[in-house]
N, C-alpha and C. Protein backbone atom coordinates (compact mmCIF):
# COMPACT_ATOMS: atom_id res chain seq x y z
N MET A 1 21.06 28.51 34.31
CA MET A 1 21.74 28.49 35.51
C MET A 1 21.88 27.02 35.68
N VAL A 2 21.63 25.88 35.43
CA VAL A 2 21.86 24.92 35.66
C VAL A 2 22.67 24.11 35.16
N GLU A 3 22.88 24.84 33.38
CA GLU A 3 24.24 24.26 32.82
C GLU A 3 25.39 24.69 33.19
N ASP A 4 25.54 25.79 34.21
CA ASP A 4 26.56 26.50 34.78
C ASP A 4 27.69 25.33 35.66
N LEU A 5 26.06 24.57 36.50
CA LEU A 5 27.08 23.77 37.33
C LEU A 5 27.83 23.04 36.31
N LYS A 6 27.62 22.39 35.20
CA LYS A 6 28.20 21.68 34.00
C LYS A 6 29.91 22.05 33.72
N ASN A 7 29.87 23.51 33.70
CA ASN A 7 31.03 23.79 33.08
C ASN A 7 32.08 24.11 34.74
N ILE A 8 31.54 23.91 35.58
CA ILE A 8 32.22 24.32 36.99
C ILE A 8 33.42 22.73 36.70
N PRO A 9 34.48 22.77 36.99
CA PRO A 9 35.58 21.98 36.58
C PRO A 9 35.62 20.86 37.71
N ASN A 10 35.59 19.96 37.68
CA ASN A 10 36.22 18.91 38.61
C ASN A 10 36.86 18.82 39.62
N ASN A 11 38.22 19.87 40.24
CA ASN A 11 38.47 19.40 40.82
C ASN A 11 38.25 21.19 42.31
N LYS A 12 37.29 21.46 42.04
CA LYS A 12 36.86 22.01 42.63
C LYS A 12 36.54 21.93 44.25
N ALA A 13 36.98 22.75 45.19
CA ALA A 13 36.72 22.16 46.55
C ALA A 13 35.52 22.10 47.11
N THR A 14 35.10 21.42 48.20
CA THR A 14 33.56 20.67 48.90
C THR A 14 33.41 22.37 49.87
N GLY A 15 32.41 22.57 50.05
CA GLY A 15 32.32 23.67 51.14
C GLY A 15 31.77 22.90 51.95
N LEU A 16 31.21 23.50 52.77
CA LEU A 16 30.64 22.99 54.38
C LEU A 16 29.35 21.59 54.33
N ASP A 17 29.20 22.44 53.11
CA ASP A 17 27.82 21.24 52.62
C ASP A 17 28.61 19.74 52.12
N ARG A 18 29.88 19.56 51.84
CA ARG A 18 30.61 18.40 51.48
C ARG A 18 30.05 18.00 49.78
N ILE A 19 29.08 18.83 49.48
CA ILE A 19 28.61 18.19 48.36
C ILE A 19 29.78 18.75 47.44
N GLY A 20 30.32 17.80 47.01
CA GLY A 20 31.53 17.80 45.14
C GLY A 20 31.07 17.53 44.22
N ILE A 21 31.53 18.36 43.03
CA ILE A 21 30.69 18.71 42.25
C ILE A 21 30.71 17.82 41.02
N LYS A 22 31.42 16.67 41.31
CA LYS A 22 31.70 15.38 40.70
C LYS A 22 30.31 14.41 40.85
N PRO A 23 30.01 13.96 42.30
CA PRO A 23 28.82 13.90 42.41
C PRO A 23 27.02 14.15 42.01
N LEU A 24 27.60 16.03 42.11
CA LEU A 24 26.70 16.39 41.26
C LEU A 24 26.12 16.62 39.93
N LYS A 25 27.51 16.83 39.51
CA LYS A 25 27.06 16.95 37.21
C LYS A 25 26.42 14.86 38.02
N VAL A 26 26.86 14.20 38.36
CA VAL A 26 26.05 12.53 37.91
C VAL A 26 24.46 12.68 38.21
N ALA A 27 24.42 13.88 39.17
CA ALA A 27 23.21 13.67 39.56
C ALA A 27 22.48 14.76 38.81
N LEU A 28 22.69 15.25 38.49
CA LEU A 28 22.05 16.58 38.06
C LEU A 28 20.99 16.65 37.17
N ASN A 29 20.44 15.58 36.60
CA ASN A 29 19.28 15.37 36.26
C ASN A 29 18.37 15.47 36.96
N ALA A 30 18.05 14.70 38.21
CA ALA A 30 17.49 14.89 39.12
C ALA A 30 17.11 15.49 40.35
N VAL A 31 18.34 16.33 39.93
CA VAL A 31 17.96 17.61 41.17
C VAL A 31 17.83 18.92 40.69
N ALA A 32 18.14 19.25 39.09
CA ALA A 32 17.90 20.86 38.50
C ALA A 32 16.47 21.02 38.67
N PRO A 33 15.47 20.44 38.49
CA PRO A 33 14.21 21.11 38.88
C PRO A 33 14.11 21.42 40.55
N SER A 34 14.67 20.59 41.47
CA SER A 34 15.06 22.01 42.18
C SER A 34 16.17 22.68 42.66
N LEU A 35 16.98 22.22 42.10
CA LEU A 35 17.93 23.48 42.04
C LEU A 35 17.18 25.21 41.49
N THR A 36 16.46 24.65 40.38
CA THR A 36 16.25 25.86 39.79
C THR A 36 14.96 26.64 40.08
N HIS A 37 14.10 25.85 40.85
CA HIS A 37 13.39 26.61 41.91
C HIS A 37 13.91 27.16 43.17
N ILE A 38 15.30 26.76 43.70
CA ILE A 38 15.31 27.90 44.92
C ILE A 38 16.27 28.62 44.00
N TYR A 39 16.63 28.55 42.80
CA TYR A 39 17.74 29.69 42.01
C TYR A 39 16.43 30.90 42.17
N ASN A 40 15.34 30.30 41.61
CA ASN A 40 14.46 31.27 40.83
C ASN A 40 13.64 31.83 41.81
N ALA A 41 13.78 31.44 43.60
CA ALA A 41 12.82 31.31 44.83
C ALA A 41 13.63 32.82 44.98
N GLY A 42 15.24 32.18 45.00
CA GLY A 42 16.21 33.34 45.75
C GLY A 42 15.97 34.55 44.61
N ILE A 43 15.74 35.06 43.35
CA ILE A 43 15.76 35.84 42.47
C ILE A 43 14.70 36.45 42.33
N ALA A 44 13.39 35.87 42.67
CA ALA A 44 12.21 37.02 42.94
C ALA A 44 11.75 37.20 44.17
N SER A 45 12.38 36.64 45.23
CA SER A 45 12.56 37.24 46.68
C SER A 45 13.42 38.21 47.01
N SER A 46 14.75 38.26 45.60
CA SER A 46 15.90 39.22 45.66
C SER A 46 16.87 38.96 47.91
N SER A 47 16.82 37.43 47.33
CA SER A 47 17.55 37.39 48.55
C SER A 47 18.06 35.82 48.13
N PHE A 48 19.36 35.85 48.86
CA PHE A 48 20.40 34.50 48.56
C PHE A 48 19.96 34.18 50.11
N PRO A 49 19.96 32.47 49.55
CA PRO A 49 19.56 31.49 50.60
C PRO A 49 21.25 31.74 51.82
N ASP A 50 20.53 31.40 53.12
CA ASP A 50 21.55 31.55 54.05
C ASP A 50 22.04 30.02 53.98
N ASN A 51 22.28 29.36 53.17
CA ASN A 51 23.16 28.19 53.72
C ASN A 51 24.26 27.92 52.61
N PHE A 52 23.32 28.70 51.16
CA PHE A 52 24.94 30.11 50.14
C PHE A 52 25.85 30.04 50.77
N LYS A 53 25.75 31.15 51.74
CA LYS A 53 26.56 31.71 52.39
C LYS A 53 27.84 31.63 53.02
N ARG A 54 27.44 30.64 53.99
CA ARG A 54 28.44 29.41 54.52
C ARG A 54 29.71 28.64 54.45
N ALA A 55 30.57 29.72 54.58
CA ALA A 55 32.15 29.46 53.90
C ALA A 55 32.90 28.60 54.67
N LYS A 56 33.97 27.43 54.29
CA LYS A 56 34.50 26.96 54.84
C LYS A 56 36.39 27.85 54.55
N PRO A 57 36.43 28.32 55.80
CA PRO A 57 37.71 29.05 55.65
C PRO A 57 38.91 27.87 55.46
N THR A 58 39.71 28.33 54.80
CA THR A 58 41.42 28.16 54.76
C THR A 58 42.36 29.02 54.30
N THR A 59 43.84 28.13 55.02
CA THR A 59 44.74 29.00 54.10
C THR A 59 45.18 28.19 52.81
N VAL A 60 45.93 28.93 51.90
CA VAL A 60 46.98 28.91 50.33
C VAL A 60 48.06 29.51 50.70
N PRO A 61 49.01 28.70 50.41
CA PRO A 61 49.71 29.53 50.15
C PRO A 61 50.38 30.44 49.05
N LYS A 62 51.07 31.68 49.53
CA LYS A 62 51.38 32.93 48.11
C LYS A 62 51.63 32.18 47.12
N ASN A 63 53.18 31.57 47.34
CA ASN A 63 53.79 31.38 46.64
C ASN A 63 54.23 29.61 46.79
N ASN A 64 55.97 29.07 46.51
CA ASN A 64 56.24 27.80 46.77
C ASN A 64 56.84 27.17 48.28
N SER A 65 56.88 28.64 48.94
CA SER A 65 57.50 28.33 50.28
C SER A 65 56.37 27.80 51.03
N ILE A 66 55.92 27.10 51.35
CA ILE A 66 54.90 26.45 52.69
C ILE A 66 55.34 26.35 53.87
N HIS A 67 56.75 26.04 53.73
CA HIS A 67 57.00 26.01 55.52
C HIS A 67 57.34 27.53 56.43
N ASP A 68 56.75 28.36 55.80
CA ASP A 68 57.06 30.17 56.13
C ASP A 68 55.50 30.23 56.36
N ARG A 69 54.98 30.41 57.89
CA ARG A 69 53.37 30.32 58.20
C ARG A 69 53.28 31.85 57.51
N ASN A 70 54.08 32.99 57.35
CA ASN A 70 53.61 34.50 57.30
C ASN A 70 53.50 34.19 55.57
N ASN A 71 53.83 32.68 54.26
CA ASN A 71 53.82 32.34 53.64
C ASN A 71 52.18 32.75 53.38
N TYR A 72 51.36 32.50 53.54
CA TYR A 72 49.83 32.11 53.67
C TYR A 72 48.72 33.08 53.75
N HIS A 73 47.52 33.10 52.72
CA HIS A 73 46.71 33.88 52.97
C HIS A 73 45.31 33.25 52.37
N PRO A 74 44.17 33.70 53.42
CA PRO A 74 43.16 32.76 54.06
C PRO A 74 42.04 32.90 52.40
N ILE A 75 41.21 31.98 52.21
CA ILE A 75 40.43 32.00 51.15
C ILE A 75 39.30 31.29 52.24
N SER A 76 37.96 31.15 51.15
CA SER A 76 37.05 31.36 51.71
C SER A 76 35.88 30.22 50.38
N ILE A 77 36.07 29.15 50.84
CA ILE A 77 35.60 28.06 50.08
C ILE A 77 33.76 27.85 50.52
N LEU A 78 33.43 28.37 49.12
CA LEU A 78 31.79 28.53 49.31
C LEU A 78 31.09 27.39 48.65
N PRO A 79 29.74 26.76 48.95
CA PRO A 79 29.60 25.43 48.67
C PRO A 79 28.91 25.61 46.85
N VAL A 80 29.58 24.23 46.27
CA VAL A 80 29.08 24.39 44.87
C VAL A 80 27.83 24.85 43.99
N ILE A 81 26.95 24.89 44.80
CA ILE A 81 25.71 24.76 44.10
C ILE A 81 25.32 26.48 44.68
N CYS A 82 26.31 27.34 45.08
CA CYS A 82 25.90 28.67 44.86
C CYS A 82 26.35 29.57 43.66
N LYS A 83 27.39 28.71 43.55
CA LYS A 83 28.36 28.84 42.25
C LYS A 83 27.13 29.41 41.28
N PRO A 84 26.39 28.68 40.20
CA PRO A 84 25.66 29.41 39.17
C PRO A 84 24.76 30.69 39.62
N LEU A 85 24.21 30.52 40.55
CA LEU A 85 23.08 31.45 41.20
C LEU A 85 24.16 33.25 41.35
N GLU A 86 25.19 32.89 41.87
CA GLU A 86 26.35 33.80 42.04
C GLU A 86 26.23 34.98 40.55
N ARG A 87 26.80 33.52 39.81
CA ARG A 87 27.23 34.29 38.54
C ARG A 87 26.09 34.95 37.43
N HIS A 88 24.59 34.38 37.74
CA HIS A 88 23.71 34.70 37.22
C HIS A 88 23.52 35.99 37.78
N VAL A 89 23.28 36.69 38.92
CA VAL A 89 22.96 37.71 39.73
C VAL A 89 24.41 38.69 38.71
N ALA A 90 25.29 38.54 38.98
CA ALA A 90 26.31 39.47 39.27
C ALA A 90 26.36 39.98 37.80
């Protein structure tokens, strides 16, 4: 699953944890054992860590017209460290 973090594009937005993918990739060798433990514990207990569920809501334009406020739709930005666990469980 940690290998999945390497495949996340570098332009992904940061969630509420403010951990960006670029610094995470740099520190991956140091944090991989801890992340693996968290992922495995979540799978073993059939639970998803609460901090992985906290999303940062934002809006994005549906098309190029940024001046029409009816043209936006909401999205939720999750922490990047939850992405591999989500993919693996799905």
